[in-house]
Amino acid sequence: MAGTLEQNSAYTSCISNPSSCTGKLQVTNGLSGTIPTEIGTLVHLTWLGHLGRQLTGTIPTEIGKLTSVVQLLLQINKLTGPLPTEVGCMTRLSTFSLYTNSLESLPTEIGALTSLNGM
């Protein structure tokens, strides 16, 4: 089932009750569209993956609120623009995958990610 991120049942379930959304959230099924700013409410996640989909636009600054995330996988999408400086707040991040996107730049704040093993 294709559609937008907002139409994905796993994602909408988490957004409607963020405190119950812990652990891993992998959004699949050929989703397209932008990453909504509401992503920042999912503060209990430790793993977030939007792999090989058709996500477009910029990564919202609210991504920096996901301070419990250890793995963030956004590869093989169509994301553009600069990576937000707020990503520097994600200090538990150990794996951050962005390849095959069209991001313009990495912020210096990425240097604060001392747990980062791979990007």
Protein backbone atom coordinates (compact mmCIF):
# COMPACT_ATOMS: atom_id res chain seq x y z
CA MET A 1 0.00 0.00 0.00
CA ALA A 2 1.62 3.23 -1.12
CA GLY A 3 0.74 6.63 0.21
CA THR A 4 2.16 9.38 2.37
CA LEU A 5 3.81 8.96 5.73
CA GLU A 6 0.71 10.43 7.37
CA GLN A 7 -1.32 7.55 5.87
CA ASN A 8 0.91 4.82 7.29
CA SER A 9 -0.82 2.98 10.15
CA ALA A 10 2.38 2.36 12.17
CA TYR A 11 3.34 6.02 11.96
CA THR A 12 -0.13 7.42 12.69
CA SER A 13 -0.50 5.07 15.65
CA CYS A 14 2.72 6.47 17.11
CA ILE A 15 1.74 10.08 16.44
CA SER A 16 -1.65 9.62 18.10
CA ASN A 17 -0.02 8.16 21.24
CA PRO A 18 3.70 9.07 21.28
CA SER A 19 4.37 7.74 24.79
CA SER A 20 3.36 4.23 23.68
CA CYS A 21 5.69 4.32 20.68
CA THR A 22 8.96 2.95 22.00
CA GLY A 23 11.74 0.94 20.45
CA LYS A 24 11.76 0.50 16.70
CA LEU A 25 9.66 2.16 14.01
CA GLN A 26 10.30 1.10 10.45
CA VAL A 27 8.00 2.72 7.95
CA THR A 28 7.66 0.80 4.69
CA ASN A 29 5.30 0.23 1.77
CA GLY A 30 6.53 2.73 -0.82
CA LEU A 31 5.69 5.88 1.07
CA SER A 32 6.13 9.27 -0.52
CA GLY A 33 5.98 12.86 0.63
CA THR A 34 7.77 14.87 3.28
CA ILE A 35 8.75 13.99 6.83
CA PRO A 36 6.15 15.75 9.02
CA THR A 37 7.28 17.97 11.88
CA GLU A 38 5.28 15.73 14.24
CA ILE A 39 8.18 13.29 13.99
CA GLY A 40 9.64 15.25 16.91
CA THR A 41 6.94 13.91 19.25
CA LEU A 42 8.30 10.36 19.02
CA VAL A 43 10.87 10.95 21.76
CA HIS A 44 10.80 7.36 23.08
CA LEU A 45 11.99 5.76 19.84
CA THR A 46 15.43 4.15 19.76
CA TRP A 47 15.41 3.11 16.08
CA LEU A 48 13.80 4.91 13.15
CA GLY A 49 13.98 3.74 9.56
CA HIS A 50 12.47 5.12 6.36
CA LEU A 51 14.50 2.99 3.99
CA GLY A 52 14.40 3.11 0.23
CA ARG A 53 11.24 5.09 -0.08
CA GLN A 54 10.25 8.22 -1.88
CA LEU A 55 10.53 10.75 0.94
CA THR A 56 11.18 14.25 -0.39
CA GLY A 57 11.91 17.71 0.95
CA THR A 58 14.07 18.67 3.87
CA ILE A 59 14.61 16.86 7.15
CA PRO A 60 12.63 18.86 9.73
CA THR A 61 14.48 20.48 12.64
CA GLU A 62 12.21 18.53 15.00
CA ILE A 63 14.31 15.45 14.25
CA GLY A 64 16.69 16.78 16.92
CA LYS A 65 14.09 16.01 19.60
CA LEU A 66 14.64 12.28 19.04
CA THR A 67 17.42 12.13 21.62
CA SER A 68 16.87 8.42 22.42
CA VAL A 69 17.38 7.29 18.83
CA VAL A 70 20.45 5.10 18.39
CA GLN A 71 19.92 4.27 14.69
CA LEU A 72 18.42 6.65 12.15
CA LEU A 73 18.15 5.22 8.65
CA LEU A 74 16.95 7.57 5.91
CA GLN A 75 18.92 6.22 2.96
CA ILE A 76 17.69 5.87 -0.61
CA ASN A 77 15.15 8.68 -0.50
CA LYS A 78 14.95 12.03 -2.23
CA LEU A 79 15.70 14.28 0.73
CA THR A 80 17.23 17.69 -0.04
CA GLY A 81 18.60 20.77 1.65
CA PRO A 82 21.02 21.02 4.54
CA LEU A 83 20.97 18.56 7.40
CA PRO A 84 19.45 20.50 10.33
CA THR A 85 21.83 21.65 13.06
CA GLU A 86 19.46 20.12 15.63
CA VAL A 87 20.78 16.68 14.66
CA GLY A 88 23.64 17.54 17.03
CA CYS A 89 21.19 16.99 19.93
CA MET A 90 20.87 13.31 19.05
CA THR A 91 23.85 12.37 21.23
CA ARG A 92 22.96 8.65 21.49
CA LEU A 93 23.04 8.24 17.72
CA SER A 94 25.49 5.52 16.68
CA THR A 95 24.33 4.81 13.11
CA PHE A 96 23.07 7.53 10.78
CA SER A 97 22.49 6.50 7.17
CA LEU A 98 21.73 9.14 4.55
CA TYR A 99 23.26 7.83 1.34
CA THR A 100 21.46 8.25 -1.98
CA ASN A 101 19.80 11.53 -1.03
CA SER A 102 20.60 15.03 -2.25
CA LEU A 103 21.53 16.72 0.99
CA GLU A 104 23.59 19.87 0.57
CA SER A 105 25.69 20.05 3.71
CA LEU A 106 26.46 18.62 7.12
CA PRO A 107 26.33 20.97 10.11
CA THR A 108 29.34 21.35 12.40
CA GLU A 109 27.06 20.21 15.24
CA ILE A 110 27.44 16.68 13.91
CA GLY A 111 30.75 16.73 15.76
CA ALA A 112 28.78 16.50 19.03
CA LEU A 113 27.71 12.97 18.07
CA THR A 114 30.52 11.20 19.90
CA SER A 115 28.71 7.82 19.80
CA LEU A 116 28.45 7.92 16.00
CA ASN A 117 30.15 4.84 14.51
CA GLY A 118 28.91 5.08 10.96
CA MET A 119 27.30 7.53 8.62
